[in-house]
PDB file of all heavy atoms in Angstrom:
ATOM      1  N   LEU A   1      -7.474  14.122   4.284  1.00  0.00           N
ATOM      2  CA  LEU A   1      -6.290  13.917   3.458  1.00  0.00           C
ATOM      3  C   LEU A   1      -5.381  15.131   3.518  1.00  0.00           C
ATOM      4  O   LEU A   1      -5.845  16.277   3.486  1.00  0.00           O
ATOM      5  CB  LEU A   1      -6.723  13.659   2.016  1.00  0.00           C
ATOM      6  CG  LEU A   1      -5.637  13.457   0.971  1.00  0.00           C
ATOM      7  CD1 LEU A   1      -6.106  12.471  -0.081  1.00  0.00           C
ATOM      8  CD2 LEU A   1      -5.246  14.771   0.290  1.00  0.00           C
ATOM      9  N   VAL A   2      -4.090  14.872   3.598  1.00  0.00           N
ATOM     10  CA  VAL A   2      -3.082  15.922   3.508  1.00  0.00           C
ATOM     11  C   VAL A   2      -2.365  15.811   2.167  1.00  0.00           C
ATOM     12  O   VAL A   2      -2.301  16.777   1.401  1.00  0.00           O
ATOM     13  CB  VAL A   2      -2.072  15.829   4.662  1.00  0.00           C
ATOM     14  CG1 VAL A   2      -0.966  16.868   4.484  1.00  0.00           C
ATOM     15  CG2 VAL A   2      -2.765  15.994   6.007  1.00  0.00           C
ATOM     16  N   ALA A   3      -1.810  14.642   1.876  1.00  0.00           N
ATOM     17  CA  ALA A   3      -1.077  14.444   0.623  1.00  0.00           C
ATOM     18  C   ALA A   3      -0.943  12.961   0.344  1.00  0.00           C
ATOM     19  O   ALA A   3      -0.856  12.159   1.278  1.00  0.00           O
ATOM     20  CB  ALA A   3       0.306  15.087   0.703  1.00  0.00           C
ATOM     21  N   THR A   4      -0.939  12.595  -0.939  1.00  0.00           N
ATOM     22  CA  THR A   4      -0.728  11.209  -1.334  1.00  0.00           C
ATOM     23  C   THR A   4       0.254  11.148  -2.494  1.00  0.00           C
ATOM     24  O   THR A   4       0.417  12.125  -3.242  1.00  0.00           O
ATOM     25  CB  THR A   4      -2.034  10.522  -1.753  1.00  0.00           C
ATOM     26  OG1 THR A   4      -2.606  11.236  -2.856  1.00  0.00           O
ATOM     27  CG2 THR A   4      -3.033  10.467  -0.612  1.00  0.00           C
ATOM     28  N   ILE A   5       0.891  10.001  -2.631  1.00  0.00           N
ATOM     29  CA  ILE A   5       1.788   9.753  -3.751  1.00  0.00           C
ATOM     30  C   ILE A   5       1.602   8.305  -4.181  1.00  0.00           C
ATOM     31  O   ILE A   5       1.523   7.407  -3.339  1.00  0.00           O
ATOM     32  CB  ILE A   5       3.258  10.052  -3.361  1.00  0.00           C
ATOM     33  CG1 ILE A   5       4.194   9.829  -4.545  1.00  0.00           C
ATOM     34  CG2 ILE A   5       3.697   9.219  -2.156  1.00  0.00           C
ATOM     35  CD1 ILE A   5       5.605  10.361  -4.300  1.00  0.00           C
ATOM     36  N   ASN A   6       1.500   8.049  -5.501  1.00  0.00           N
ATOM     37  CA  ASN A   6       1.321   6.671  -5.940  1.00  0.00           C
ATOM     38  C   ASN A   6       2.610   6.123  -6.555  1.00  0.00           C
ATOM     39  O   ASN A   6       3.641   6.804  -6.591  1.00  0.00           O
ATOM     40  CB  ASN A   6       0.125   6.550  -6.889  1.00  0.00           C
ATOM     41  CG  ASN A   6       0.362   7.213  -8.237  1.00  0.00           C
ATOM     42  OD1 ASN A   6       1.474   7.611  -8.585  1.00  0.00           O
ATOM     43  ND2 ASN A   6      -0.689   7.313  -9.020  1.00  0.00           N
ATOM     44  N   GLN A   7       2.534   4.886  -7.025  1.00  0.00           N
ATOM     45  CA  GLN A   7       3.737   4.205  -7.532  1.00  0.00           C
ATOM     46  C   GLN A   7       4.345   4.934  -8.723  1.00  0.00           C
ATOM     47  O   GLN A   7       5.558   4.861  -8.941  1.00  0.00           O
ATOM     48  CB  GLN A   7       3.395   2.775  -7.932  1.00  0.00           C
ATOM     49  CG  GLN A   7       3.287   1.811  -6.781  1.00  0.00           C
ATOM     50  CD  GLN A   7       3.087   0.384  -7.240  1.00  0.00           C
ATOM     51  OE1 GLN A   7       2.538   0.130  -8.313  1.00  0.00           O
ATOM     52  NE2 GLN A   7       3.498  -0.570  -6.430  1.00  0.00           N
ATOM     53  N   LEU A   8       3.528   5.623  -9.487  1.00  0.00           N
ATOM     54  CA  LEU A   8       4.031   6.349 -10.651  1.00  0.00           C
ATOM     55  C   LEU A   8       4.584   7.717 -10.283  1.00  0.00           C
ATOM     56  O   LEU A   8       5.091   8.427 -11.155  1.00  0.00           O
ATOM     57  CB  LEU A   8       2.923   6.498 -11.689  1.00  0.00           C
ATOM     58  CG  LEU A   8       2.345   5.185 -12.232  1.00  0.00           C
ATOM     59  CD1 LEU A   8       1.226   5.471 -13.219  1.00  0.00           C
ATOM     60  CD2 LEU A   8       3.443   4.347 -12.888  1.00  0.00           C
ATOM     61  N   GLY A   9       4.462   8.058  -9.011  1.00  0.00           N
ATOM     62  CA  GLY A   9       4.964   9.349  -8.561  1.00  0.00           C
ATOM     63  C   GLY A   9       3.958  10.480  -8.650  1.00  0.00           C
ATOM     64  O   GLY A   9       4.313  11.633  -8.423  1.00  0.00           O
ATOM     65  N   TYR A  10       2.722  10.139  -9.007  1.00  0.00           N
ATOM     66  CA  TYR A  10       1.690  11.182  -9.056  1.00  0.00           C
ATOM     67  C   TYR A  10       1.376  11.622  -7.626  1.00  0.00           C
ATOM     68  O   TYR A  10       1.131  10.816  -6.745  1.00  0.00           O
ATOM     69  CB  TYR A  10       0.429  10.650  -9.717  1.00  0.00           C
ATOM     70  CG  TYR A  10      -0.691  11.654  -9.745  1.00  0.00           C
ATOM     71  CD1 TYR A  10      -0.715  12.676 -10.689  1.00  0.00           C
ATOM     72  CD2 TYR A  10      -1.724  11.604  -8.801  1.00  0.00           C
ATOM     73  CE1 TYR A  10      -1.741  13.603 -10.703  1.00  0.00           C
ATOM     74  CE2 TYR A  10      -2.741  12.522  -8.804  1.00  0.00           C
ATOM     75  CZ  TYR A  10      -2.745  13.527  -9.757  1.00  0.00           C
ATOM     76  OH  TYR A  10      -3.750  14.459  -9.760  1.00  0.00           O
ATOM     77  N   ILE A  11       1.347  12.935  -7.414  1.00  0.00           N
ATOM     78  CA  ILE A  11       1.155  13.513  -6.087  1.00  0.00           C
ATOM     79  C   ILE A  11      -0.112  14.349  -6.048  1.00  0.00           C
ATOM     80  O   ILE A  11      -0.421  15.079  -7.008  1.00  0.00           O
ATOM     81  CB  ILE A  11       2.376  14.374  -5.702  1.00  0.00           C
ATOM     82  CG1 ILE A  11       3.608  13.483  -5.487  1.00  0.00           C
ATOM     83  CG2 ILE A  11       2.094  15.176  -4.430  1.00  0.00           C
ATOM     84  CD1 ILE A  11       4.896  14.250  -5.245  1.00  0.00           C
ATOM     85  N   ASN A  12      -0.801  14.235  -4.943  1.00  0.00           N
ATOM     86  CA  ASN A  12      -2.022  15.012  -4.713  1.00  0.00           C
ATOM     87  C   ASN A  12      -1.934  15.672  -3.340  1.00  0.00           C
ATOM     88  O   ASN A  12      -1.553  15.019  -2.366  1.00  0.00           O
ATOM     89  CB  ASN A  12      -3.244  14.094  -4.781  1.00  0.00           C
ATOM     90  CG  ASN A  12      -4.540  14.854  -4.585  1.00  0.00           C
ATOM     91  OD1 ASN A  12      -4.747  15.900  -5.184  1.00  0.00           O
ATOM     92  ND2 ASN A  12      -5.410  14.330  -3.734  1.00  0.00           N
ATOM     93  N   TYR A  13      -2.261  16.972  -3.285  1.00  0.00           N
ATOM     94  CA  TYR A  13      -2.248  17.719  -2.029  1.00  0.00           C
ATOM     95  C   TYR A  13      -3.631  18.279  -1.726  1.00  0.00           C
ATOM     96  O   TYR A  13      -4.357  18.683  -2.638  1.00  0.00           O
ATOM     97  CB  TYR A  13      -1.268  18.892  -2.083  1.00  0.00           C
ATOM     98  CG  TYR A  13       0.186  18.523  -2.158  1.00  0.00           C
ATOM     99  CD1 TYR A  13       0.890  18.644  -3.353  1.00  0.00           C
ATOM    100  CD2 TYR A  13       0.871  18.077  -1.031  1.00  0.00           C
ATOM    101  CE1 TYR A  13       2.237  18.312  -3.424  1.00  0.00           C
ATOM    102  CE2 TYR A  13       2.214  17.750  -1.097  1.00  0.00           C
ATOM    103  CZ  TYR A  13       2.894  17.867  -2.296  1.00  0.00           C
ATOM    104  OH  TYR A  13       4.222  17.534  -2.365  1.00  0.00           O
ATOM    105  N   ALA A  14      -3.946  18.361  -0.452  1.00  0.00           N
ATOM    106  CA  ALA A  14      -5.130  19.108  -0.043  1.00  0.00           C
ATOM    107  C   ALA A  14      -4.888  20.587  -0.327  1.00  0.00           C
ATOM    108  O   ALA A  14      -3.757  21.073  -0.222  1.00  0.00           O
ATOM    109  CB  ALA A  14      -5.395  18.898   1.443  1.00  0.00           C
ATOM    110  N   ASP A  15      -5.945  21.294  -0.686  1.00  0.00           N
ATOM    111  CA  ASP A  15      -5.788  22.720  -1.006  1.00  0.00           C
ATOM    112  C   ASP A  15      -5.164  23.493   0.158  1.00  0.00           C
ATOM    113  O   ASP A  15      -4.399  24.433  -0.059  1.00  0.00           O
ATOM    114  CB  ASP A  15      -7.156  23.323  -1.347  1.00  0.00           C
ATOM    115  CG  ASP A  15      -7.676  22.866  -2.697  1.00  0.00           C
ATOM    116  OD1 ASP A  15      -6.865  22.347  -3.509  1.00  0.00           O
ATOM    117  OD2 ASP A  15      -8.879  23.011  -2.957  1.00  0.00           O
ATOM    118  N   ALA A  16      -5.490  23.086   1.374  1.00  0.00           N
ATOM    119  CA  ALA A  16      -5.025  23.835   2.555  1.00  0.00           C
ATOM    120  C   ALA A  16      -3.516  23.783   2.743  1.00  0.00           C
ATOM    121  O   ALA A  16      -2.951  24.624   3.458  1.00  0.00           O
ATOM    122  CB  ALA A  16      -5.710  23.294   3.804  1.00  0.00           C
ATOM    123  N   VAL A  17      -2.850  22.815   2.107  1.00  0.00           N
ATOM    124  CA  VAL A  17      -1.406  22.664   2.333  1.00  0.00           C
ATOM    125  C   VAL A  17      -0.574  22.898   1.069  1.00  0.00           C
ATOM    126  O   VAL A  17       0.655  22.891   1.135  1.00  0.00           O
ATOM    127  CB  VAL A  17      -1.077  21.277   2.916  1.00  0.00           C
ATOM    128  CG1 VAL A  17      -1.918  21.016   4.164  1.00  0.00           C
ATOM    129  CG2 VAL A  17      -1.260  20.168   1.899  1.00  0.00           C
ATOM    130  N   LYS A  18      -1.234  23.111  -0.069  1.00  0.00           N
ATOM    131  CA  LYS A  18      -0.493  23.322  -1.320  1.00  0.00           C
ATOM    132  C   LYS A  18       0.457  24.499  -1.196  1.00  0.00           C
ATOM    133  O   LYS A  18       0.111  25.551  -0.681  1.00  0.00           O
ATOM    134  CB  LYS A  18      -1.471  23.562  -2.468  1.00  0.00           C
ATOM    135  CG  LYS A  18      -2.131  22.307  -2.990  1.00  0.00           C
ATOM    136  CD  LYS A  18      -3.085  22.612  -4.136  1.00  0.00           C
ATOM    137  CE  LYS A  18      -3.764  21.351  -4.641  1.00  0.00           C
ATOM    138  NZ  LYS A  18      -4.750  21.639  -5.697  1.00  0.00           N
ATOM    139  N   GLY A  19       1.679  24.288  -1.661  1.00  0.00           N
ATOM    140  CA  GLY A  19       2.681  25.340  -1.604  1.00  0.00           C
ATOM    141  C   GLY A  19       3.437  25.400  -0.291  1.00  0.00           C
ATOM    142  O   GLY A  19       4.440  26.121  -0.180  1.00  0.00           O
ATOM    143  N   ARG A  20       2.976  24.662   0.716  1.00  0.00           N
ATOM    144  CA  ARG A  20       3.655  24.662   2.023  1.00  0.00           C
ATOM    145  C   ARG A  20       4.204  23.290   2.400  1.00  0.00           C
ATOM    146  O   ARG A  20       5.235  23.195   3.052  1.00  0.00           O
ATOM    147  CB  ARG A  20       2.683  25.131   3.109  1.00  0.00           C
ATOM    148  CG  ARG A  20       2.129  26.516   2.897  1.00  0.00           C
ATOM    149  CD  ARG A  20       1.320  26.987   4.101  1.00  0.00           C
ATOM    150  NE  ARG A  20       0.148  26.147   4.359  1.00  0.00           N
ATOM    151  CZ  ARG A  20      -0.069  25.505   5.506  1.00  0.00           C
ATOM    152  NH1 ARG A  20       0.796  25.600   6.492  1.00  0.00           N
ATOM    153  NH2 ARG A  20      -1.169  24.783   5.669  1.00  0.00           N
ATOM    154  N   PHE A  21       3.498  22.238   1.998  1.00  0.00           N
ATOM    155  CA  PHE A  21       3.897  20.871   2.354  1.00  0.00           C
ATOM    156  C   PHE A  21       4.429  20.146   1.116  1.00  0.00           C
ATOM    157  O   PHE A  21       3.955  20.377  -0.003  1.00  0.00           O
ATOM    158  CB  PHE A  21       2.713  20.084   2.896  1.00  0.00           C
ATOM    159  CG  PHE A  21       2.217  20.517   4.252  1.00  0.00           C
ATOM    160  CD1 PHE A  21       2.648  21.694   4.845  1.00  0.00           C
ATOM    161  CD2 PHE A  21       1.299  19.725   4.937  1.00  0.00           C
ATOM    162  CE1 PHE A  21       2.175  22.087   6.091  1.00  0.00           C
ATOM    163  CE2 PHE A  21       0.817  20.098   6.179  1.00  0.00           C
ATOM    164  CZ  PHE A  21       1.260  21.284   6.752  1.00  0.00           C
ATOM    165  N   THR A  22       5.379  19.243   1.350  1.00  0.00           N
ATOM    166  CA  THR A  22       5.928  18.430   0.268  1.00  0.00           C
ATOM    167  C   THR A  22       6.016  16.983   0.720  1.00  0.00           C
ATOM    168  O   THR A  22       6.657  16.690   1.737  1.00  0.00           O
ATOM    169  CB  THR A  22       7.318  18.919  -0.143  1.00  0.00           C
ATOM    170  OG1 THR A  22       7.244  20.295  -0.536  1.00  0.00           O
ATOM    171  CG2 THR A  22       7.852  18.096  -1.309  1.00  0.00           C
ATOM    172  N   ILE A  23       5.383  16.091  -0.038  1.00  0.00           N
ATOM    173  CA  ILE A  23       5.467  14.669   0.242  1.00  0.00           C
ATOM    174  C   ILE A  23       6.561  14.059  -0.626  1.00  0.00           C
ATOM    175  O   ILE A  23       6.732  14.451  -1.789  1.00  0.00           O
ATOM    176  CB  ILE A  23       4.109  13.966  -0.007  1.00  0.00           C
ATOM    177  CG1 ILE A  23       4.130  12.521   0.491  1.00  0.00           C
ATOM    178  CG2 ILE A  23       3.707  14.044  -1.476  1.00  0.00           C
ATOM    179  CD1 ILE A  23       2.758  11.845   0.460  1.00  0.00           C
ATOM    180  N   SER A  24       7.310  13.130  -0.053  1.00  0.00           N
ATOM    181  CA  SER A  24       8.362  12.464  -0.816  1.00  0.00           C
ATOM    182  C   SER A  24       8.579  11.070  -0.235  1.00  0.00           C
ATOM    183  O   SER A  24       8.148  10.775   0.872  1.00  0.00           O
ATOM    184  CB  SER A  24       9.656  13.273  -0.779  1.00  0.00           C
ATOM    185  OG  SER A  24      10.159  13.357   0.544  1.00  0.00           O
ATOM    186  N   ARG A  25       9.255  10.250  -1.008  1.00  0.00           N
ATOM    187  CA  ARG A  25       9.541   8.899  -0.524  1.00  0.00           C
ATOM    188  C   ARG A  25      10.998   8.552  -0.821  1.00  0.00           C
ATOM    189  O   ARG A  25      11.571   8.998  -1.821  1.00  0.00           O
ATOM    190  CB  ARG A  25       8.612   7.878  -1.191  1.00  0.00           C
ATOM    191  CG  ARG A  25       8.691   7.888  -2.693  1.00  0.00           C
ATOM    192  CD  ARG A  25       7.618   7.067  -3.336  1.00  0.00           C
ATOM    193  NE  ARG A  25       7.725   7.176  -4.793  1.00  0.00           N
ATOM    194  CZ  ARG A  25       6.830   6.724  -5.633  1.00  0.00           C
ATOM    195  NH1 ARG A  25       5.749   6.105  -5.181  1.00  0.00           N
ATOM    196  NH2 ARG A  25       6.997   6.861  -6.935  1.00  0.00           N
ATOM    197  N   ASP A  26      11.577   7.769   0.059  1.00  0.00           N
ATOM    198  CA  ASP A  26      12.948   7.302  -0.094  1.00  0.00           C
ATOM    199  C   ASP A  26      12.890   5.785  -0.145  1.00  0.00           C
ATOM    200  O   ASP A  26      12.813   5.121   0.893  1.00  0.00           O
ATOM    201  CB  ASP A  26      13.798   7.791   1.086  1.00  0.00           C
ATOM    202  CG  ASP A  26      15.255   7.415   0.940  1.00  0.00           C
ATOM    203  OD1 ASP A  26      15.574   6.574   0.086  1.00  0.00           O
ATOM    204  OD2 ASP A  26      16.078   7.958   1.684  1.00  0.00           O
ATOM    205  N   SER A  27      12.934   5.242  -1.356  1.00  0.00           N
ATOM    206  CA  SER A  27      12.818   3.795  -1.522  1.00  0.00           C
ATOM    207  C   SER A  27      14.012   3.052  -0.961  1.00  0.00           C
ATOM    208  O   SER A  27      13.899   1.886  -0.587  1.00  0.00           O
ATOM    209  CB  SER A  27      12.637   3.447  -3.000  1.00  0.00           C
ATOM    210  OG  SER A  27      11.440   4.001  -3.507  1.00  0.00           O
ATOM    211  N   THR A  28      15.159   3.707  -0.893  1.00  0.00           N
ATOM    212  CA  THR A  28      16.349   3.037  -0.357  1.00  0.00           C
ATOM    213  C   THR A  28      16.230   2.803   1.143  1.00  0.00           C
ATOM    214  O   THR A  28      16.865   1.903   1.687  1.00  0.00           O
ATOM    215  CB  THR A  28      17.609   3.851  -0.644  1.00  0.00           C
ATOM    216  OG1 THR A  28      17.529   5.103   0.052  1.00  0.00           O
ATOM    217  CG2 THR A  28      17.763   4.114  -2.133  1.00  0.00           C
ATOM    218  N   LYS A  29      15.413   3.632   1.805  1.00  0.00           N
ATOM    219  CA  LYS A  29      15.234   3.503   3.254  1.00  0.00           C
ATOM    220  C   LYS A  29      13.814   3.108   3.625  1.00  0.00           C
ATOM    221  O   LYS A  29      13.468   3.064   4.809  1.00  0.00           O
ATOM    222  CB  LYS A  29      15.606   4.815   3.948  1.00  0.00           C
ATOM    223  CG  LYS A  29      17.055   5.208   3.771  1.00  0.00           C
ATOM    224  CD  LYS A  29      17.388   6.496   4.514  1.00  0.00           C
ATOM    225  CE  LYS A  29      18.856   6.860   4.344  1.00  0.00           C
ATOM    226  NZ  LYS A  29      19.195   8.122   5.036  1.00  0.00           N
ATOM    227  N   ASP A  30      12.984   2.845   2.580  1.00  0.00           N
ATOM    228  CA  ASP A  30      11.577   2.443   2.818  1.00  0.00           C
ATOM    229  C   ASP A  30      10.883   3.430   3.754  1.00  0.00           C
ATOM    230  O   ASP A  30      10.236   3.032   4.738  1.00  0.00           O
ATOM    231  CB  ASP A  30      11.503   1.019   3.367  1.00  0.00           C
ATOM    232  CG  ASP A  30      11.963  -0.012   2.358  1.00  0.00           C
ATOM    233  OD1 ASP A  30      11.590   0.136   1.178  1.00  0.00           O
ATOM    234  OD2 ASP A  30      12.711  -0.916   2.734  1.00  0.00           O
ATOM    235  N   THR A  31      11.028   4.694   3.432  1.00  0.00           N
ATOM    236  CA  THR A  31      10.507   5.753   4.285  1.00  0.00           C
ATOM    237  C   THR A  31       9.750   6.782   3.458  1.00  0.00           C
ATOM    238  O   THR A  31      10.182   7.152   2.361  1.00  0.00           O
ATOM    239  CB  THR A  31      11.640   6.444   5.047  1.00  0.00           C
ATOM    240  OG1 THR A  31      12.352   5.463   5.812  1.00  0.00           O
ATOM    241  CG2 THR A  31      11.095   7.497   6.002  1.00  0.00           C
ATOM    242  N   LEU A  32       8.627   7.221   4.000  1.00  0.00           N
ATOM    243  CA  LEU A  32       7.833   8.296   3.419  1.00  0.00           C
ATOM    244  C   LEU A  32       8.037   9.541   4.269  1.00  0.00           C
ATOM    245  O   LEU A  32       8.120   9.438   5.504  1.00  0.00           O
ATOM    246  CB  LEU A  32       6.355   7.897   3.412  1.00  0.00           C
ATOM    247  CG  LEU A  32       5.362   8.860   2.785  1.00  0.00           C
ATOM    248  CD1 LEU A  32       5.491   8.843   1.260  1.00  0.00           C
ATOM    249  CD2 LEU A  32       3.942   8.500   3.189  1.00  0.00           C
ATOM    250  N   HIS A  33       8.123  10.704   3.625  1.00  0.00           N
ATOM    251  CA  HIS A  33       8.347  11.944   4.357  1.00  0.00           C
ATOM    252  C   HIS A  33       7.246  12.959   4.058  1.00  0.00           C
ATOM    253  O   HIS A  33       6.595  12.903   3.005  1.00  0.00           O
ATOM    254  CB  HIS A  33       9.697  12.560   3.978  1.00  0.00           C
ATOM    255  CG  HIS A  33      10.875  11.719   4.321  1.00  0.00           C
ATOM    256  ND1 HIS A  33      11.278  11.500   5.620  1.00  0.00           N
ATOM    257  CD2 HIS A  33      11.734  11.018   3.535  1.00  0.00           C
ATOM    258  CE1 HIS A  33      12.348  10.727   5.615  1.00  0.00           C
ATOM    259  NE2 HIS A  33      12.633  10.414   4.367  1.00  0.00           N
ATOM    260  N   LEU A  34       7.088  13.888   4.985  1.00  0.00           N
ATOM    261  CA  LEU A  34       6.232  15.045   4.744  1.00  0.00           C
ATOM    262  C   LEU A  34       6.962  16.260   5.301  1.00  0.00           C
ATOM    263  O   LEU A  34       7.101  16.404   6.521  1.00  0.00           O
ATOM    264  CB  LEU A  34       4.871  14.892   5.418  1.00  0.00           C
ATOM    265  CG  LEU A  34       3.889  16.031   5.131  1.00  0.00           C
ATOM    266  CD1 LEU A  34       3.444  15.992   3.657  1.00  0.00           C
ATOM    267  CD2 LEU A  34       2.671  15.953   6.053  1.00  0.00           C
TER     268      LEU A  34
END
């Protein structure tokens, strides 16, 4: 696992990437980003 995001917007990161990686989603474009 690197990162997850659920419908409520709760985000979870692996310890190895915390502070460096950011997960986000764009519902208008149906796209997930890292």
